Amino acid sequence: AFNKSGDLLAYTVDAATKDSNGLFLMELKANRIFPLDNDAKNYNRLTWNDDGTALAVLKGVDVEKMREKNNVLLVYRDVKAAMADGATLAPIVLDPAKVTGAPKDWVVSERATIDWSDDGKRLFFGMKPQVAAPVTARKNADTDADADS
């Protein structure tokens, strides 16, 4: 996704070798790439704020026999200033499992969009309860074949 001014490109990598996955930022004018996050997890819902200065993304992993991914929300504020200073950009991290008052067994859902408020100070995202994955194997209860002539 390009920021509003079009001088930055943020992108995620979802590789077969999960160790290569991550969130990256490319400064197009200087042709420089900044790795913002690198982990053996999946990245979803990359979203710029309206000014094109801040990023948000979900980072998660599949949970065996469960429907939803175990996601955390990463927020990067003022990416241009951090790039100019050459400093490492540390995200604000929301992990529902570690937040006091968050509903137990709820996850940040990649099924909902991530939206910034008009002033860029708030982030809206969806949460939902973690549920067991539906059984996908079908059993055939028919013992007789149906035939039309």
N, C-alpha and C. Protein backbone atom coordinates (compact mmCIF):
# COMPACT_ATOMS: atom_id res chain seq x y z
N ALA A 1 0.84 -1.17 0.00
CA ALA A 1 0.00 0.00 0.00
C ALA A 1 0.89 1.24 0.00
N PHE A 2 0.56 2.20 -0.86
CA PHE A 2 1.27 3.47 -0.91
C PHE A 2 0.66 4.43 0.11
N ASN A 3 1.48 5.30 0.67
CA ASN A 3 0.94 6.35 1.53
C ASN A 3 0.29 7.41 0.65
N LYS A 4 -0.35 8.40 1.26
CA LYS A 4 -1.11 9.41 0.53
C LYS A 4 -0.26 10.18 -0.48
N SER A 5 0.96 10.56 -0.10
CA SER A 5 1.81 11.33 -1.00
C SER A 5 2.50 10.45 -2.05
N GLY A 6 2.46 9.15 -1.86
CA GLY A 6 3.03 8.24 -2.84
C GLY A 6 4.54 8.09 -2.77
N ASP A 7 5.16 8.59 -1.72
CA ASP A 7 6.62 8.47 -1.63
C ASP A 7 7.07 7.27 -0.80
N LEU A 8 6.11 6.61 -0.12
CA LEU A 8 6.43 5.42 0.66
C LEU A 8 5.53 4.27 0.27
N LEU A 9 6.10 3.10 0.21
CA LEU A 9 5.36 1.87 -0.08
C LEU A 9 5.56 0.93 1.10
N ALA A 10 4.48 0.57 1.75
CA ALA A 10 4.54 -0.43 2.83
C ALA A 10 4.02 -1.73 2.25
N TYR A 11 4.70 -2.82 2.57
CA TYR A 11 4.26 -4.12 2.05
C TYR A 11 4.59 -5.22 3.04
N THR A 12 3.83 -6.30 2.94
CA THR A 12 4.06 -7.46 3.78
C THR A 12 4.55 -8.60 2.89
N VAL A 13 5.30 -9.50 3.49
CA VAL A 13 5.79 -10.69 2.79
C VAL A 13 5.19 -11.90 3.48
N ASP A 14 4.62 -12.79 2.68
CA ASP A 14 4.10 -14.06 3.16
C ASP A 14 4.77 -15.14 2.33
N ALA A 15 5.90 -15.63 2.79
CA ALA A 15 6.72 -16.56 2.03
C ALA A 15 6.48 -18.00 2.47
N ALA A 16 6.86 -18.93 1.60
CA ALA A 16 6.77 -20.35 1.94
C ALA A 16 7.63 -20.66 3.16
N THR A 17 8.80 -20.07 3.20
CA THR A 17 9.65 -20.17 4.38
C THR A 17 9.24 -19.03 5.30
N LYS A 18 8.50 -19.36 6.37
CA LYS A 18 7.89 -18.33 7.23
C LYS A 18 8.91 -17.40 7.87
N ASP A 19 10.18 -17.82 7.98
CA ASP A 19 11.20 -16.94 8.57
C ASP A 19 11.42 -15.68 7.74
N SER A 20 10.98 -15.67 6.49
CA SER A 20 11.14 -14.52 5.61
C SER A 20 9.98 -13.54 5.70
N ASN A 21 8.95 -13.89 6.45
CA ASN A 21 7.77 -13.03 6.54
C ASN A 21 8.08 -11.75 7.31
N GLY A 22 7.35 -10.70 6.95
CA GLY A 22 7.56 -9.46 7.66
C GLY A 22 6.80 -8.29 7.08
N LEU A 23 7.02 -7.14 7.69
CA LEU A 23 6.47 -5.87 7.25
C LEU A 23 7.65 -4.98 6.87
N PHE A 24 7.57 -4.41 5.66
CA PHE A 24 8.67 -3.62 5.13
C PHE A 24 8.15 -2.29 4.61
N LEU A 25 9.04 -1.30 4.62
CA LEU A 25 8.72 0.03 4.15
C LEU A 25 9.78 0.45 3.14
N MET A 26 9.34 0.88 1.96
CA MET A 26 10.27 1.31 0.92
C MET A 26 10.12 2.81 0.69
N GLU A 27 11.24 3.51 0.81
CA GLU A 27 11.28 4.93 0.47
C GLU A 27 11.63 5.00 -1.01
N LEU A 28 10.68 5.37 -1.84
CA LEU A 28 10.83 5.27 -3.29
C LEU A 28 11.86 6.24 -3.85
N LYS A 29 11.93 7.45 -3.30
CA LYS A 29 12.86 8.46 -3.81
C LYS A 29 14.32 8.01 -3.67
N ALA A 30 14.65 7.42 -2.52
CA ALA A 30 16.03 6.99 -2.26
C ALA A 30 16.24 5.51 -2.57
N ASN A 31 15.14 4.81 -2.92
CA ASN A 31 15.20 3.38 -3.21
C ASN A 31 15.79 2.60 -2.02
N ARG A 32 15.32 2.94 -0.81
CA ARG A 32 15.77 2.26 0.41
C ARG A 32 14.62 1.45 1.00
N ILE A 33 14.95 0.29 1.56
CA ILE A 33 13.96 -0.56 2.21
C ILE A 33 14.28 -0.64 3.70
N PHE A 34 13.25 -0.43 4.51
CA PHE A 34 13.37 -0.49 5.96
C PHE A 34 12.54 -1.68 6.45
N PRO A 35 13.17 -2.67 7.06
CA PRO A 35 12.37 -3.75 7.67
C PRO A 35 11.77 -3.25 8.98
N LEU A 36 10.47 -3.24 9.08
CA LEU A 36 9.81 -2.78 10.30
C LEU A 36 9.58 -3.92 11.27
N ASP A 37 9.25 -5.10 10.75
CA ASP A 37 9.01 -6.25 11.60
C ASP A 37 9.29 -7.51 10.80
N ASN A 38 9.87 -8.50 11.45
CA ASN A 38 10.20 -9.76 10.80
C ASN A 38 9.89 -10.88 11.78
N ASP A 39 9.01 -11.81 11.35
CA ASP A 39 8.62 -12.89 12.24
C ASP A 39 8.04 -14.02 11.39
N ALA A 40 8.03 -15.21 11.93
CA ALA A 40 7.49 -16.38 11.23
C ALA A 40 5.97 -16.43 11.45
N LYS A 41 5.31 -15.32 11.20
CA LYS A 41 3.86 -15.21 11.36
C LYS A 41 3.27 -14.58 10.11
N ASN A 42 1.95 -14.52 10.05
CA ASN A 42 1.26 -13.93 8.90
C ASN A 42 0.89 -12.49 9.21
N TYR A 43 1.02 -11.62 8.21
CA TYR A 43 0.69 -10.21 8.34
C TYR A 43 -0.53 -9.91 7.48
N ASN A 44 -1.51 -9.20 8.06
CA ASN A 44 -2.76 -8.89 7.37
C ASN A 44 -3.21 -7.47 7.67
N ARG A 45 -4.09 -6.98 6.81
CA ARG A 45 -4.79 -5.70 7.02
C ARG A 45 -3.90 -4.49 7.16
N LEU A 46 -2.86 -4.41 6.36
CA LEU A 46 -1.96 -3.25 6.37
C LEU A 46 -2.76 -1.99 6.02
N THR A 47 -2.64 -0.96 6.86
CA THR A 47 -3.45 0.25 6.69
C THR A 47 -2.65 1.49 7.05
N TRP A 48 -2.61 2.46 6.13
CA TRP A 48 -2.02 3.78 6.40
C TRP A 48 -3.08 4.68 7.04
N ASN A 49 -2.66 5.65 7.84
CA ASN A 49 -3.59 6.68 8.28
C ASN A 49 -3.81 7.64 7.10
N ASP A 50 -4.77 8.56 7.23
CA ASP A 50 -5.12 9.46 6.12
C ASP A 50 -3.97 10.35 5.70
N ASP A 51 -3.12 10.75 6.63
CA ASP A 51 -1.99 11.61 6.30
C ASP A 51 -0.83 10.85 5.66
N GLY A 52 -0.87 9.53 5.75
CA GLY A 52 0.22 8.73 5.20
C GLY A 52 1.48 8.79 6.04
N THR A 53 1.31 8.97 7.34
CA THR A 53 2.46 9.07 8.24
C THR A 53 2.55 7.92 9.23
N ALA A 54 1.46 7.17 9.40
CA ALA A 54 1.43 6.08 10.38
C ALA A 54 0.84 4.83 9.76
N LEU A 55 1.29 3.68 10.26
CA LEU A 55 0.87 2.38 9.74
C LEU A 55 0.28 1.52 10.85
N ALA A 56 -0.63 0.64 10.47
CA ALA A 56 -1.13 -0.39 11.38
C ALA A 56 -1.22 -1.69 10.60
N VAL A 57 -0.96 -2.80 11.28
CA VAL A 57 -1.01 -4.11 10.64
C VAL A 57 -1.29 -5.17 11.71
N LEU A 58 -1.91 -6.26 11.30
CA LEU A 58 -2.11 -7.40 12.18
C LEU A 58 -1.01 -8.41 11.93
N LYS A 59 -0.52 -9.03 13.01
CA LYS A 59 0.48 -10.09 12.90
C LYS A 59 -0.05 -11.27 13.70
N GLY A 60 -0.18 -12.42 13.03
CA GLY A 60 -0.76 -13.55 13.74
C GLY A 60 -0.29 -14.89 13.26
N VAL A 61 -0.78 -15.89 13.96
CA VAL A 61 -0.43 -17.27 13.66
C VAL A 61 -1.69 -18.11 13.77
N ASP A 62 -1.78 -19.12 12.90
CA ASP A 62 -2.91 -20.05 12.96
C ASP A 62 -2.85 -20.83 14.27
N VAL A 63 -4.03 -21.09 14.83
CA VAL A 63 -4.13 -21.87 16.05
C VAL A 63 -4.78 -23.20 15.68
N GLU A 64 -4.11 -24.29 16.03
CA GLU A 64 -4.59 -25.62 15.66
C GLU A 64 -5.99 -25.87 16.20
N LYS A 65 -6.86 -26.34 15.31
CA LYS A 65 -8.25 -26.71 15.62
C LYS A 65 -9.11 -25.52 16.04
N MET A 66 -8.64 -24.30 15.77
CA MET A 66 -9.43 -23.11 16.08
C MET A 66 -9.66 -22.32 14.80
N ARG A 67 -10.73 -21.55 14.77
CA ARG A 67 -11.11 -20.84 13.54
C ARG A 67 -10.28 -19.58 13.29
N GLU A 68 -10.01 -18.83 14.34
CA GLU A 68 -9.36 -17.53 14.19
C GLU A 68 -7.85 -17.62 14.43
N LYS A 69 -7.11 -16.71 13.79
CA LYS A 69 -5.69 -16.59 14.06
C LYS A 69 -5.49 -15.87 15.38
N ASN A 70 -4.39 -16.14 16.01
CA ASN A 70 -4.02 -15.43 17.23
C ASN A 70 -3.23 -14.20 16.79
N ASN A 71 -3.91 -13.07 16.65
CA ASN A 71 -3.31 -11.84 16.12
C ASN A 71 -2.94 -10.85 17.21
N VAL A 72 -1.92 -10.06 16.93
CA VAL A 72 -1.62 -8.86 17.70
C VAL A 72 -1.69 -7.69 16.71
N LEU A 73 -1.98 -6.52 17.22
CA LEU A 73 -2.07 -5.32 16.40
C LEU A 73 -0.78 -4.53 16.58
N LEU A 74 -0.10 -4.21 15.48
CA LEU A 74 1.11 -3.40 15.52
C LEU A 74 0.79 -2.03 14.94
N VAL A 75 1.19 -0.97 15.62
CA VAL A 75 0.96 0.40 15.16
C VAL A 75 2.29 1.13 15.12
N TYR A 76 2.59 1.72 13.99
CA TYR A 76 3.83 2.49 13.81
C TYR A 76 3.44 3.95 13.59
N ARG A 77 3.81 4.82 14.53
CA ARG A 77 3.49 6.24 14.46
C ARG A 77 4.64 6.99 13.80
N ASP A 78 4.35 7.96 13.01
CA ASP A 78 5.31 8.88 12.41
C ASP A 78 6.51 8.15 11.78
N VAL A 79 6.24 7.33 10.77
CA VAL A 79 7.30 6.54 10.14
C VAL A 79 8.32 7.40 9.42
N LYS A 80 7.90 8.51 8.86
CA LYS A 80 8.85 9.38 8.14
C LYS A 80 9.91 9.97 9.08
N ALA A 81 9.52 10.40 10.26
CA ALA A 81 10.47 10.97 11.21
C ALA A 81 11.48 9.92 11.66
N ALA A 82 11.01 8.72 11.89
CA ALA A 82 11.92 7.65 12.31
C ALA A 82 12.90 7.29 11.20
N MET A 83 12.44 7.32 9.96
CA MET A 83 13.32 7.02 8.82
C MET A 83 14.38 8.12 8.69
N ALA A 84 14.00 9.36 8.90
CA ALA A 84 14.93 10.48 8.76
C ALA A 84 16.00 10.44 9.84
N ASP A 85 15.61 10.04 11.04
CA ASP A 85 16.56 9.97 12.15
C ASP A 85 17.44 8.73 12.07
N GLY A 86 17.04 7.76 11.26
CA GLY A 86 17.78 6.51 11.18
C GLY A 86 17.58 5.63 12.39
N ALA A 87 16.60 5.98 13.21
CA ALA A 87 16.33 5.22 14.43
C ALA A 87 15.49 3.99 14.10
N THR A 88 15.59 3.00 14.96
CA THR A 88 14.75 1.82 14.82
C THR A 88 13.34 2.21 15.27
N LEU A 89 12.39 1.87 14.45
CA LEU A 89 11.00 2.23 14.72
C LEU A 89 10.33 1.12 15.52
N ALA A 90 10.04 1.37 16.77
CA ALA A 90 9.39 0.39 17.63
C ALA A 90 7.88 0.59 17.56
N PRO A 91 7.14 -0.50 17.36
CA PRO A 91 5.68 -0.36 17.26
C PRO A 91 5.02 -0.30 18.62
N ILE A 92 3.81 0.22 18.62
CA ILE A 92 2.91 0.08 19.76
C ILE A 92 2.22 -1.26 19.50
N VAL A 93 2.21 -2.14 20.49
CA VAL A 93 1.68 -3.50 20.31
C VAL A 93 0.46 -3.70 21.19
N LEU A 94 -0.62 -4.18 20.58
CA LEU A 94 -1.81 -4.57 21.34
C LEU A 94 -1.96 -6.08 21.22
N ASP A 95 -1.74 -6.77 22.33
CA ASP A 95 -1.93 -8.21 22.40
C ASP A 95 -3.09 -8.46 23.35
N PRO A 96 -4.26 -8.90 22.84
CA PRO A 96 -5.43 -9.07 23.71
C PRO A 96 -5.18 -10.01 24.88
N ALA A 97 -4.28 -10.98 24.73
CA ALA A 97 -3.99 -11.92 25.82
C ALA A 97 -3.26 -11.24 26.98
N LYS A 98 -2.65 -10.07 26.73
CA LYS A 98 -1.87 -9.39 27.76
C LYS A 98 -2.50 -8.09 28.24
N VAL A 99 -3.67 -7.76 27.72
CA VAL A 99 -4.34 -6.51 28.07
C VAL A 99 -5.32 -6.75 29.20
N THR A 100 -5.20 -5.98 30.26
CA THR A 100 -6.14 -6.06 31.37
C THR A 100 -7.51 -5.60 30.91
N GLY A 101 -8.52 -6.39 31.20
CA GLY A 101 -9.89 -6.03 30.84
C GLY A 101 -10.34 -6.53 29.49
N ALA A 102 -9.44 -7.10 28.70
CA ALA A 102 -9.86 -7.64 27.40
C ALA A 102 -10.62 -8.94 27.64
N PRO A 103 -11.65 -9.20 26.85
CA PRO A 103 -12.40 -10.44 27.05
C PRO A 103 -11.50 -11.66 26.88
N LYS A 104 -11.65 -12.62 27.77
CA LYS A 104 -10.85 -13.84 27.73
C LYS A 104 -11.19 -14.64 26.47
N ASP A 105 -10.17 -15.16 25.83
CA ASP A 105 -10.31 -15.99 24.63
C ASP A 105 -10.88 -15.22 23.43
N TRP A 106 -10.69 -13.92 23.38
CA TRP A 106 -11.05 -13.13 22.22
C TRP A 106 -9.76 -12.78 21.48
N VAL A 107 -9.88 -12.60 20.16
CA VAL A 107 -8.72 -12.27 19.33
C VAL A 107 -9.02 -11.03 18.50
N VAL A 108 -7.97 -10.34 18.08
CA VAL A 108 -8.11 -9.26 17.11
C VAL A 108 -8.32 -9.96 15.76
N SER A 109 -9.40 -9.65 15.10
CA SER A 109 -9.81 -10.41 13.92
C SER A 109 -9.34 -9.77 12.62
N GLU A 110 -8.79 -10.61 11.74
CA GLU A 110 -8.44 -10.14 10.40
C GLU A 110 -9.66 -10.12 9.49
N ARG A 111 -10.79 -10.56 10.00
CA ARG A 111 -12.03 -10.54 9.21
C ARG A 111 -12.67 -9.15 9.19
N ALA A 112 -12.20 -8.26 10.06
CA ALA A 112 -12.69 -6.88 10.11
C ALA A 112 -11.61 -5.94 9.58
N THR A 113 -12.03 -4.80 9.10
CA THR A 113 -11.06 -3.82 8.60
C THR A 113 -10.41 -3.07 9.76
N ILE A 114 -9.29 -2.44 9.47
CA ILE A 114 -8.64 -1.53 10.41
C ILE A 114 -8.82 -0.13 9.83
N ASP A 115 -9.35 0.77 10.62
CA ASP A 115 -9.60 2.14 10.16
C ASP A 115 -9.05 3.14 11.17
N TRP A 116 -8.43 4.18 10.65
CA TRP A 116 -7.94 5.28 11.49
C TRP A 116 -9.05 6.32 11.63
N SER A 117 -9.08 6.99 12.76
CA SER A 117 -10.00 8.11 12.94
C SER A 117 -9.53 9.27 12.07
N ASP A 118 -10.40 10.24 11.85
CA ASP A 118 -10.06 11.38 11.00
C ASP A 118 -8.86 12.16 11.51
N ASP A 119 -8.72 12.25 12.83
CA ASP A 119 -7.58 12.99 13.39
C ASP A 119 -6.33 12.11 13.51
N GLY A 120 -6.43 10.83 13.19
CA GLY A 120 -5.28 9.94 13.21
C GLY A 120 -4.81 9.53 14.60
N LYS A 121 -5.64 9.80 15.61
CA LYS A 121 -5.24 9.49 16.98
C LYS A 121 -5.85 8.19 17.51
N ARG A 122 -6.82 7.67 16.80
CA ARG A 122 -7.48 6.43 17.23
C ARG A 122 -7.49 5.43 16.08
N LEU A 123 -7.55 4.18 16.48
CA LEU A 123 -7.58 3.09 15.51
C LEU A 123 -8.77 2.20 15.83
N PHE A 124 -9.56 1.90 14.81
CA PHE A 124 -10.73 1.05 14.99
C PHE A 124 -10.44 -0.31 14.36
N PHE A 125 -10.72 -1.36 15.11
CA PHE A 125 -10.46 -2.72 14.64
C PHE A 125 -11.50 -3.65 15.24
N GLY A 126 -11.58 -4.86 14.73
CA GLY A 126 -12.57 -5.81 15.22
C GLY A 126 -11.96 -6.89 16.10
N MET A 127 -12.74 -7.32 17.07
CA MET A 127 -12.36 -8.45 17.91
C MET A 127 -13.52 -9.43 17.91
N LYS A 128 -13.19 -10.70 18.12
CA LYS A 128 -14.23 -11.71 18.20
C LYS A 128 -13.74 -12.87 19.04
N PRO A 129 -14.66 -13.66 19.55
CA PRO A 129 -14.24 -14.80 20.37
C PRO A 129 -13.58 -15.88 19.53
N GLN A 130 -12.61 -16.54 20.11
CA GLN A 130 -11.97 -17.67 19.45
C GLN A 130 -12.92 -18.87 19.57
N VAL A 131 -13.18 -19.53 18.46
CA VAL A 131 -14.09 -20.69 18.45
C VAL A 131 -13.40 -21.85 17.76
N ALA A 132 -13.91 -23.04 18.03
CA ALA A 132 -13.37 -24.23 17.40
C ALA A 132 -13.64 -24.19 15.89
N ALA A 133 -12.70 -24.71 15.13
CA ALA A 133 -12.86 -24.76 13.68
C ALA A 133 -13.97 -25.74 13.33
N PRO A 134 -14.77 -25.43 12.32
CA PRO A 134 -15.83 -26.36 11.93
C PRO A 134 -15.24 -27.63 11.34
N VAL A 135 -15.94 -28.72 11.53
CA VAL A 135 -15.51 -30.00 10.96
C VAL A 135 -15.80 -29.94 9.47
N THR A 136 -14.79 -30.16 8.66
CA THR A 136 -14.96 -30.03 7.21
C THR A 136 -15.17 -31.37 6.52
N ALA A 137 -14.89 -32.46 7.19
CA ALA A 137 -15.09 -33.77 6.57
C ALA A 137 -16.58 -34.10 6.61
N ARG A 138 -17.11 -34.48 5.46
CA ARG A 138 -18.52 -34.83 5.38
C ARG A 138 -18.67 -36.34 5.42
N LYS A 139 -19.64 -36.77 6.18
CA LYS A 139 -19.96 -38.19 6.22
C LYS A 139 -21.17 -38.42 5.35
N ASN A 140 -21.11 -39.44 4.54
CA ASN A 140 -22.23 -39.77 3.68
C ASN A 140 -23.12 -40.75 4.41
N ALA A 141 -24.32 -40.33 4.74
CA ALA A 141 -25.26 -41.18 5.47
C ALA A 141 -26.08 -42.06 4.54
N ASP A 142 -25.98 -41.85 3.23
CA ASP A 142 -26.75 -42.65 2.28
C ASP A 142 -26.18 -44.06 2.19
N THR A 143 -27.08 -45.03 2.25
CA THR A 143 -26.64 -46.41 2.08
C THR A 143 -27.06 -46.96 0.72
N ASP A 144 -28.07 -46.34 0.14
CA ASP A 144 -28.55 -46.76 -1.19
C ASP A 144 -28.22 -45.67 -2.21
N ALA A 145 -27.91 -46.09 -3.38
CA ALA A 145 -27.63 -45.14 -4.45
C ALA A 145 -28.93 -44.65 -5.05
N ASP A 146 -28.99 -43.38 -5.38
CA ASP A 146 -30.14 -42.83 -6.08
C ASP A 146 -29.83 -42.88 -7.58
N ALA A 147 -30.82 -43.29 -8.32
CA ALA A 147 -30.64 -43.36 -9.77
C ALA A 147 -31.89 -42.81 -10.43
N ASP A 148 -31.69 -41.99 -11.42
CA ASP A 148 -32.79 -41.48 -12.23
C ASP A 148 -32.70 -42.13 -13.59
N SER A 149 -33.84 -42.51 -14.14
CA SER A 149 -33.80 -43.10 -15.48
C SER A 149 -34.56 -42.28 -16.45
